[in-house]
Amino acid sequence: MRATEDLRAEHRGILRLCGILEKVAVHTLGGEELPLDDGKGIVEFLRVFVDGCHHFKEEAHLFPAVRAADPDSGTQALIEELLAEHEEGRALAAVFAGAAQGALSPKLQELAEAASAYAALLRRHIQVEEDRLFSEADRVLPAAQQAHLEEEYERVEEEVVGPGRHEAFHAMLEDLERRYA
């Protein structure tokens, strides 16, 4: 299995969250407050799954491997762009988290704007990774290195996310998708 397949699978969950964020934005712009538990769940997903797990796998493992394997290509600039987007996403997640900690009416606009902006950023970011970076990684990384990356990803899953958390996150996404349909 290629290491990028694991990241592509995670992208599917992140894209589900993007749909939820977009619907949360519509609901809050319509004057509906975000229930505190929903906000906490979304923030936890952003911090633990998106940033702590997915982005960490890329930043600590995939990006350095691709940089080392292909030092003279345009991939270096692409990775810098993707790292900058990770930082931009962290800032938007922090704004969302602050607004969601009691999304009372004065913060509904801020919450909606952060949710919409972060969803749009993630969608663009994922498209670039899948269309450009992952195909380059698959081209330049030998099978042995792909296997090593998979082992590192498993370690991240165990140490950062923890047992059973992926399943809990997917159950939360299903619940939120139903309620924000």
Protein backbone atom coordinates (compact mmCIF):
# COMPACT_ATOMS: atom_id res chain seq x y z
CA MET A 1 0.00 0.00 0.00
CA ARG A 2 1.19 3.52 -0.73
CA ALA A 3 1.52 5.95 2.16
CA THR A 4 -0.57 8.46 0.24
CA GLU A 5 -3.54 6.07 0.30
CA ASP A 6 -3.79 6.51 4.06
CA LEU A 7 -3.77 10.29 3.66
CA ARG A 8 -6.35 10.13 0.86
CA ALA A 9 -8.64 8.11 3.14
CA GLU A 10 -8.26 10.75 5.84
CA HIS A 11 -9.11 13.41 3.25
CA ARG A 12 -12.50 11.77 2.77
CA GLY A 13 -13.29 12.30 6.46
CA ILE A 14 -11.98 15.86 6.35
CA LEU A 15 -14.14 16.61 3.31
CA ARG A 16 -17.16 15.32 5.22
CA LEU A 17 -16.30 17.81 7.94
CA CYS A 18 -16.07 20.56 5.30
CA GLY A 19 -19.67 19.87 4.36
CA ILE A 20 -20.66 20.09 8.01
CA LEU A 21 -18.76 23.36 8.49
CA GLU A 22 -20.51 24.84 5.45
CA LYS A 23 -23.91 23.82 6.84
CA VAL A 24 -23.04 25.14 10.30
CA ALA A 25 -22.19 28.47 8.63
CA VAL A 26 -25.59 28.58 6.90
CA HIS A 27 -27.42 27.70 10.13
CA THR A 28 -25.57 30.31 12.19
CA LEU A 29 -26.04 33.01 9.55
CA GLY A 30 -29.73 32.18 9.79
CA GLY A 31 -29.57 33.04 13.49
CA GLU A 32 -29.28 29.52 14.91
CA GLU A 33 -26.75 29.07 17.67
CA LEU A 34 -24.33 26.18 17.46
CA PRO A 35 -24.98 23.76 20.32
CA LEU A 36 -21.97 23.73 22.64
CA ASP A 37 -21.46 19.95 22.26
CA ASP A 38 -21.45 20.24 18.47
CA GLY A 39 -18.89 23.02 18.64
CA LYS A 40 -16.70 21.02 21.03
CA GLY A 41 -16.88 17.95 18.79
CA ILE A 42 -15.96 19.90 15.67
CA VAL A 43 -13.09 21.65 17.46
CA GLU A 44 -11.79 18.31 18.76
CA PHE A 45 -11.92 16.85 15.24
CA LEU A 46 -10.01 19.86 13.90
CA ARG A 47 -7.37 19.73 16.60
CA VAL A 48 -6.90 15.98 16.98
CA PHE A 49 -7.75 14.49 13.59
CA VAL A 50 -7.01 17.24 11.06
CA ASP A 51 -4.05 18.92 12.71
CA GLY A 52 -2.67 16.50 15.31
CA CYS A 53 -2.94 13.43 13.11
CA HIS A 54 -3.29 14.24 9.41
CA HIS A 55 -1.20 17.40 9.15
CA PHE A 56 1.38 15.96 11.54
CA LYS A 57 1.80 12.90 9.30
CA GLU A 58 2.41 15.18 6.36
CA GLU A 59 4.69 17.66 8.13
CA ALA A 60 6.79 15.19 10.11
CA HIS A 61 6.93 12.34 7.63
CA LEU A 62 5.64 12.77 4.07
CA PHE A 63 6.90 16.27 3.28
CA PRO A 64 10.48 15.60 4.50
CA ALA A 65 10.56 12.29 2.59
CA VAL A 66 9.44 13.95 -0.64
CA ARG A 67 11.88 16.85 -0.12
CA ALA A 68 14.77 14.42 0.31
CA ALA A 69 13.77 12.23 -2.63
CA ASP A 70 13.15 15.09 -5.05
CA PRO A 71 15.27 18.09 -3.92
CA ASP A 72 15.55 19.83 -7.28
CA SER A 73 11.95 19.85 -8.40
CA GLY A 74 9.16 22.38 -8.11
CA THR A 75 7.81 20.20 -5.33
CA GLN A 76 9.83 22.19 -2.79
CA ALA A 77 7.78 25.35 -3.45
CA LEU A 78 4.58 23.32 -3.41
CA ILE A 79 5.41 21.92 0.03
CA GLU A 80 6.12 25.43 1.32
CA GLU A 81 2.71 26.52 0.02
CA LEU A 82 1.02 23.55 1.71
CA LEU A 83 2.81 24.27 5.01
CA ALA A 84 1.62 27.87 4.86
CA GLU A 85 -1.93 26.63 4.32
CA HIS A 86 -1.60 24.36 7.37
CA GLU A 87 -0.73 27.48 9.40
CA GLU A 88 -3.62 29.40 7.88
CA GLY A 89 -5.91 26.51 8.79
CA ARG A 90 -4.67 26.52 12.39
CA ALA A 91 -5.50 30.21 12.64
CA LEU A 92 -9.00 29.67 11.22
CA ALA A 93 -9.56 26.70 13.55
CA ALA A 94 -8.57 28.90 16.50
CA VAL A 95 -11.08 31.57 15.46
CA PHE A 96 -13.77 28.93 15.05
CA ALA A 97 -12.91 27.42 18.45
CA GLY A 98 -13.08 30.81 20.14
CA ALA A 99 -16.43 31.62 18.56
CA ALA A 100 -17.82 28.13 19.28
CA GLN A 101 -17.13 28.34 23.02
CA GLY A 102 -20.58 29.70 23.60
CA ALA A 103 -21.71 30.74 20.17
CA LEU A 104 -24.04 33.42 21.37
CA SER A 105 -25.51 35.81 18.87
CA PRO A 106 -22.61 38.31 18.79
CA LYS A 107 -20.23 35.56 17.73
CA LEU A 108 -22.48 33.88 15.17
CA GLN A 109 -21.10 35.97 12.29
CA GLU A 110 -17.51 35.23 13.33
CA LEU A 111 -18.32 31.53 13.68
CA ALA A 112 -19.97 31.39 10.26
CA GLU A 113 -17.11 33.23 8.56
CA ALA A 114 -14.45 31.01 10.15
CA ALA A 115 -16.39 27.84 9.29
CA SER A 116 -16.85 28.89 5.66
CA ALA A 117 -13.28 30.08 5.21
CA TYR A 118 -11.78 26.95 6.77
CA ALA A 119 -13.96 24.62 4.71
CA ALA A 120 -12.96 26.46 1.52
CA LEU A 121 -9.28 26.35 2.47
CA LEU A 122 -9.41 22.63 3.25
CA ARG A 123 -11.18 21.82 -0.03
CA ARG A 124 -8.57 23.71 -2.10
CA HIS A 125 -5.71 22.29 -0.05
CA ILE A 126 -6.88 18.71 -0.41
CA GLN A 127 -7.33 19.14 -4.17
CA VAL A 128 -3.74 20.36 -4.54
CA GLU A 129 -2.35 17.57 -2.39
CA GLU A 130 -4.24 14.88 -4.26
CA ASP A 131 -3.65 16.27 -7.75
CA ARG A 132 -0.03 17.31 -7.38
CA LEU A 133 1.83 16.33 -4.23
CA PHE A 134 0.59 12.77 -3.75
CA SER A 135 1.25 11.81 -7.37
CA GLU A 136 4.76 13.21 -7.01
CA ALA A 137 5.25 11.31 -3.73
CA ASP A 138 4.08 8.09 -5.36
CA ARG A 139 6.51 8.68 -8.22
CA VAL A 140 9.64 9.48 -6.17
CA LEU A 141 9.27 7.37 -3.02
CA PRO A 142 10.37 3.74 -3.34
CA ALA A 143 8.27 0.92 -1.92
CA ALA A 144 10.52 0.50 1.13
CA GLN A 145 10.13 4.15 2.05
CA GLN A 146 6.37 3.95 1.48
CA ALA A 147 6.28 1.03 3.93
CA HIS A 148 8.32 2.98 6.46
CA LEU A 149 5.93 5.93 6.17
CA GLU A 150 3.00 3.59 6.80
CA GLU A 151 4.71 2.37 9.98
CA GLU A 152 5.23 5.97 11.11
CA TYR A 153 1.58 6.76 10.36
CA GLU A 154 0.51 3.83 12.52
CA ARG A 155 2.65 5.15 15.36
CA VAL A 156 0.99 8.56 15.03
CA GLU A 157 -2.42 6.88 15.11
CA GLU A 158 -1.57 5.09 18.34
CA GLU A 159 0.19 7.96 20.10
CA VAL A 160 -1.77 11.00 18.94
CA VAL A 161 -5.25 9.80 18.11
CA GLY A 162 -5.50 6.77 20.35
CA PRO A 163 -7.40 3.50 20.09
CA GLY A 164 -10.99 3.73 18.90
CA ARG A 165 -10.88 7.47 18.26
CA HIS A 166 -11.13 7.22 14.47
CA GLU A 167 -14.33 5.24 14.86
CA ALA A 168 -15.67 7.77 17.37
CA PHE A 169 -14.83 10.65 15.02
CA HIS A 170 -16.61 8.94 12.12
CA ALA A 171 -19.67 8.31 14.30
CA MET A 172 -19.65 11.99 15.27
CA LEU A 173 -19.44 13.01 11.60
CA GLU A 174 -22.42 10.79 10.78
CA ASP A 175 -24.42 12.33 13.62
CA LEU A 176 -23.53 15.89 12.59
CA GLU A 177 -24.30 15.14 8.94
CA ARG A 178 -27.76 13.90 9.92
CA ARG A 179 -28.50 16.92 12.09
CA TYR A 180 -27.15 19.52 9.68
CA ALA A 181 -28.61 17.94 6.53
